[in-house]
Protein backbone atom coordinates (compact mmCIF):
# COMPACT_ATOMS: atom_id res chain seq x y z
CA MET A 1 27.30 98.91 -48.69
CA THR A 2 23.87 98.77 -47.42
CA PRO A 3 23.41 97.51 -44.25
CA VAL A 4 19.76 96.47 -42.78
CA GLY A 5 18.43 97.03 -39.52
CA LEU A 6 17.01 93.90 -37.43
CA THR A 7 15.15 94.10 -34.12
CA GLY A 8 11.98 92.96 -31.80
CA GLY A 9 10.87 92.26 -28.33
CA ILE A 10 12.66 90.84 -25.47
CA ALA A 11 12.58 87.12 -26.17
CA SER A 12 10.59 87.37 -29.56
CA GLY A 13 13.74 84.97 -31.33
CA LYS A 14 16.11 87.68 -32.95
CA SER A 15 19.06 85.69 -31.68
CA THR A 16 17.87 82.57 -33.65
CA VAL A 17 17.36 85.22 -37.01
CA CYS A 18 20.71 86.87 -36.46
CA ARG A 19 22.01 83.31 -35.97
CA LEU A 20 20.31 82.23 -39.38
CA PHE A 21 21.56 84.91 -41.29
CA ALA A 22 25.12 84.55 -40.10
CA ALA A 23 25.00 80.61 -41.41
CA LYS A 24 24.87 82.37 -44.90
CA GLY A 25 27.68 84.73 -44.26
CA CYS A 26 26.28 87.92 -43.29
CA THR A 27 28.10 89.76 -40.60
CA VAL A 28 25.42 90.35 -37.82
CA ILE A 29 26.43 93.66 -35.14
CA ASP A 30 24.76 93.31 -32.38
CA ALA A 31 24.30 96.21 -29.95
CA ASP A 32 23.99 94.62 -26.89
CA LEU A 33 27.53 93.23 -27.42
CA VAL A 34 28.95 96.63 -28.46
CA ALA A 35 26.88 98.01 -25.15
CA HIS A 36 28.24 95.88 -23.00
CA GLU A 37 32.01 95.79 -24.54
CA LEU A 38 31.11 99.67 -23.68
CA LEU A 39 30.26 99.19 -20.17
CA LEU A 40 34.13 97.87 -19.32
CA PRO A 41 36.48 99.42 -17.23
CA GLY A 42 38.48 102.12 -19.63
CA ARG A 43 35.90 101.99 -22.18
CA PRO A 44 33.54 105.32 -22.39
CA GLY A 45 30.51 104.38 -20.81
CA TYR A 46 32.17 103.22 -17.57
CA GLU A 47 32.46 106.45 -15.71
CA PRO A 48 29.17 107.97 -16.61
CA VAL A 49 27.14 104.69 -15.83
CA VAL A 50 29.13 104.38 -12.10
CA SER A 51 28.84 108.01 -11.48
CA ALA A 52 24.77 107.84 -12.71
CA PHE A 53 24.26 104.41 -10.65
CA GLY A 54 27.16 104.40 -8.00
CA PRO A 55 29.15 101.34 -6.84
CA GLY A 56 26.77 99.48 -5.67
CA ILE A 57 26.68 97.78 -9.31
CA LEU A 58 30.43 96.76 -9.31
CA GLY A 59 32.12 93.59 -8.85
CA ASP A 60 34.51 92.62 -6.89
CA SER A 61 36.99 93.16 -9.64
CA GLY A 62 35.91 96.58 -10.24
CA GLU A 63 33.80 95.75 -13.21
CA ILE A 64 30.19 96.51 -13.70
CA ASP A 65 28.27 93.79 -12.78
CA ARG A 66 25.58 93.52 -15.06
CA GLY A 67 23.08 91.35 -13.06
CA LYS A 68 23.31 94.66 -9.92
CA LEU A 69 23.10 96.86 -12.85
CA GLY A 70 20.18 94.94 -14.49
CA ALA A 71 18.47 95.10 -11.02
CA GLU A 72 18.73 98.42 -10.55
CA VAL A 73 17.13 99.57 -13.77
CA PHE A 74 14.90 96.91 -14.69
CA GLY A 75 11.17 97.51 -12.94
CA ASN A 76 12.53 101.58 -12.43
CA PRO A 77 11.54 103.54 -16.03
CA SER A 78 13.06 106.33 -15.49
CA LYS A 79 16.75 104.72 -14.27
CA LEU A 80 16.12 102.62 -17.46
CA GLY A 81 15.62 105.59 -19.07
CA GLN A 82 18.88 107.51 -17.73
CA LEU A 83 20.84 104.29 -18.72
CA ASN A 84 19.98 104.06 -21.76
CA ARG A 85 20.56 107.98 -22.41
CA LEU A 86 23.86 107.29 -21.52
CA LEU A 87 24.74 104.32 -23.63
CA HIS A 88 22.67 104.76 -26.84
CA PRO A 89 24.61 107.68 -28.31
CA GLU A 90 27.94 105.59 -27.50
CA VAL A 91 26.31 102.54 -28.76
CA ILE A 92 25.10 104.56 -32.22
CA ARG A 93 28.61 105.94 -32.99
CA THR A 94 30.54 102.82 -32.73
CA ILE A 95 28.20 100.83 -34.72
CA GLN A 96 28.87 103.39 -37.22
CA GLY A 97 32.59 103.06 -37.07
CA ARG A 98 32.23 99.63 -37.41
CA LEU A 99 30.16 99.86 -40.70
CA GLN A 100 32.12 102.23 -41.78
CA ALA A 101 35.39 99.86 -41.66
CA LEU A 102 33.71 96.80 -42.93
CA LYS A 103 33.43 95.79 -46.48
CA GLN A 104 31.30 92.66 -46.20
CA VAL A 105 28.22 93.98 -48.07
CA ARG A 106 25.95 91.73 -46.02
CA THR A 107 25.41 93.55 -42.78
CA LEU A 108 22.82 93.47 -40.22
CA VAL A 109 22.60 95.46 -37.43
CA ASP A 110 20.77 93.98 -34.27
CA ALA A 111 19.38 96.43 -31.57
CA SER A 112 16.50 95.58 -29.80
CA LEU A 113 15.84 99.32 -28.88
CA MET A 114 16.73 100.72 -32.48
CA ILE A 115 13.34 102.27 -32.68
CA GLU A 116 13.14 103.63 -29.37
CA SER A 117 16.19 104.74 -29.42
CA GLY A 118 15.59 106.57 -33.64
CA PHE A 119 18.61 104.61 -34.75
CA HIS A 120 15.82 102.51 -37.24
CA GLN A 121 16.17 106.05 -39.23
CA HIS A 122 19.81 105.12 -40.31
CA PHE A 123 18.42 102.07 -42.41
CA ARG A 124 16.53 101.52 -45.75
CA ARG A 125 15.13 98.28 -44.82
CA LEU A 126 14.42 97.18 -41.16
CA VAL A 127 13.48 93.77 -40.16
CA LEU A 128 11.22 93.03 -37.16
CA VAL A 129 11.39 89.92 -35.64
CA VAL A 130 7.96 88.92 -33.92
CA CYS A 131 6.02 85.88 -31.71
CA THR A 132 3.22 86.17 -29.85
CA LEU A 133 3.22 87.86 -25.92
CA GLU A 134 2.81 84.78 -24.21
CA GLN A 135 5.89 83.24 -26.26
CA GLN A 136 7.59 86.19 -25.42
CA VAL A 137 6.70 85.83 -21.72
CA GLU A 138 7.45 81.87 -21.69
CA ARG A 139 10.56 82.03 -23.35
CA LEU A 140 11.85 85.08 -21.03
CA MET A 141 11.01 83.42 -18.35
CA ALA A 142 12.99 79.86 -19.37
CA ARG A 143 15.80 82.03 -20.23
CA ASN A 144 16.57 84.63 -17.48
CA ARG A 145 14.95 81.92 -14.78
CA LEU A 146 12.08 85.13 -14.00
CA THR A 147 8.81 84.47 -12.41
CA GLU A 148 5.93 85.12 -14.63
CA GLU A 149 5.46 88.51 -13.29
CA GLN A 150 9.40 89.65 -13.84
CA ALA A 151 9.24 88.65 -17.46
CA ARG A 152 6.11 90.66 -18.04
CA GLN A 153 7.44 93.49 -16.34
CA ARG A 154 10.82 93.52 -18.38
CA ILE A 155 8.65 92.88 -21.70
CA ALA A 156 6.39 95.86 -20.58
CA LEU A 157 9.34 98.28 -20.62
CA GLN A 158 9.86 97.75 -24.31
CA MET A 159 7.80 99.18 -27.07
CA PRO A 160 4.91 96.37 -27.91
CA LEU A 161 6.22 94.45 -31.03
CA ALA A 162 2.17 95.56 -32.59
CA GLU A 163 3.31 99.46 -32.48
CA LYS A 164 7.11 98.46 -33.39
CA ARG A 165 5.16 96.85 -37.29
CA ALA A 166 4.66 100.50 -37.85
CA PHE A 167 8.03 101.21 -38.89
CA ALA A 168 9.62 97.69 -40.38
CA THR A 169 9.75 97.13 -44.41
CA ASP A 170 10.44 93.10 -43.34
CA ILE A 171 8.41 90.41 -40.66
CA VAL A 172 9.84 87.46 -39.35
CA ASP A 173 7.33 85.90 -37.36
CA ASN A 174 9.13 83.61 -35.05
CA SER A 175 5.93 82.44 -33.59
CA GLY A 176 6.21 78.87 -35.06
CA THR A 177 9.05 75.99 -35.56
CA GLU A 178 12.72 77.19 -36.30
CA GLU A 179 12.10 75.42 -39.64
CA GLN A 180 8.93 77.94 -40.64
CA THR A 181 11.48 80.73 -39.21
CA ARG A 182 14.30 79.30 -41.31
CA MET A 183 12.20 79.40 -44.45
CA GLN A 184 11.45 83.20 -43.93
CA VAL A 185 15.15 83.76 -43.54
CA ASP A 186 16.14 82.20 -46.67
CA ALA A 187 12.95 83.92 -48.70
CA LEU A 188 14.07 87.09 -46.98
CA PHE A 189 17.80 86.79 -47.82
CA GLU A 190 16.99 86.12 -51.44
CA ASP A 191 14.95 89.62 -51.37
CA LEU A 192 17.65 91.75 -49.72
CA GLU A 193 20.27 89.97 -52.12
CA ARG A 194 18.61 91.29 -54.93
CA THR A 195 17.52 95.23 -53.13
CA ALA A 196 19.23 96.17 -50.30
CA TRP A 197 22.80 94.63 -50.75
CA THR A 198 22.97 94.96 -53.94
CA THR A 199 22.87 98.73 -53.99
CA SER A 200 25.27 101.69 -52.48
CA ARG A 201 24.07 104.01 -49.93
């Protein structure tokens, strides 16, 4: 099995592309969902994160409130870096364990910070989903109900898409219509079928 990495910027359309691949029978492992699971009480990420950021990030039930945690780290690069250092190694270990257990050949690993964390080095193929900066801002404002300033602030915390292009083997341009994106995914799927997913690691 040769899994393929997939990344992009916040609100660039990774979820749309993953949904299109999943509709073709691909297994998609979402690193964000893995991170959320690791923050649950009793899971490996819970105690370190609560110890680092304090009980103020907890909800009434004792679970980590992701909204409170996000308010704590977004806009503060040092705290965001601290959170990433606590979670990323465990996220990577968990995903690698799931990949080893999977017998599904057509597998993608979706991670927003794949390049920043160095996880991209584990994949021979890395798909980058891109759109324009203004589209990122507009989509993020609509999706997360943020002001333009807040949206730009969150985007600025990530590596610019232009810089990520240097690491990618494949690009999906999500700046057009969903049909245009689907056509690119169709073509990329056929290429991966002929190359990455027909060979073993």
